[in-house]
């Protein structure tokens, strides 16, 4: 028997899609509500979930542990409301669950809208065992309890599902806008560092947040401290990769050679190609800036082959092929990117440029018009006006709204 376990609050806009994605996979759905004031509870019940209630304990680990007490299955799948299960992964997950020595199944999660790290690995499907508990603040995980359990019961193993299993909408900029998610992360990590100074996990999360908010000096200090204190060994590969990736991002503006070194070290780690896409694409971008096109294209082509569903990889490949002078290859790459992400204005714009260079005036006109319309729809009016002014002397734009 497989149980879904969720903790939610005010997720009326997303909970139905989440629950529907697992209805044909799980045997029971248990949703623990922590104080919703919208229609979350009614919608969950209408989808067939059993709803329990919990006063918010102040952090995610104790809330998830409390939620585990309500499930009855031999296996537990844990989701957030901004996640959905991909149907394509279900056969592989069932096959792994049928293996008697598998304790935990790591799930590949596609981070929609997260350009720097489009995939992550999450331990969200596991046998219901009394010793498996959640720990750590905010981005809580079961890893520490699983490691202790497997030390005492070595017959168990952790399996990885190679097929991307989850779609995660939580990092889309339009969804983060107006929320306190970043501030909650900061407060949680600051408290964690007070209790455990130089903890690599907190250094990675808070360091990355500082870099993203422009506080590069503190971010770099935290990331380097995390790398210094991170233990060696296979159990900490994911943390090492995260620290190196974010340190490379922080250093890229002022010290490209150091950033390249971080990305290369990250790519040397034994990780699935999807999990190391951020370092691969960032390294390729830096190499392109240094006119090292062949290696840049090779890295990006591998990304497109191993993760063909990632629009950013195809867009970057288009930029590189155009830089090399292969317009046909560039056009094909941009078209792949647009098929995957029709709302990416830069892909439409660069496709238009490539078509214009190839003599396709009608195609260029259409592409520029679409790019301008998308920018306007995304409230990027200044960029739209600048693009319109830039191309107006080259082609006569379509007479369409937004163009």
Foldseek 3Di string as FASTA:
>chain_A
DEEEFEEDAQLVVQQLQALVLCVVPGPAYEYEYQYHPDCVVVSCVVSPHHYHYDHDPLFDQVVRQVRLVPDDDQKYAYDYSQKHWDPVQRVVVVVQVPDVQEFWEWAWEQEPQPQLARIDTAGGMGGDDVQQGWDAGDPIHRVVSVVVVCVVVVSHDYHYRLPHTMYGDCNRVVNCPPDCSLVSLLVRLVVVCVVPPLALVSLLSNLLSCLVVPVLVSSLVSLVSSCVPDDDDDSCLLSLLSSLSSNLVSCCVPHVVSSLVSLVVSVVGPDQCSRSVSSLQVNLVSCVVVVVLVSSLVSLVVSCVRCVLDLVSLQSNLVSCVVVPNLVSNLVSLVSSCVNPVLPLVSLQSNLVSCVVVVNQVSNQVSLQSSQQSCVVVVNNVVSVVSCVVCVVPHPHDPDPRD
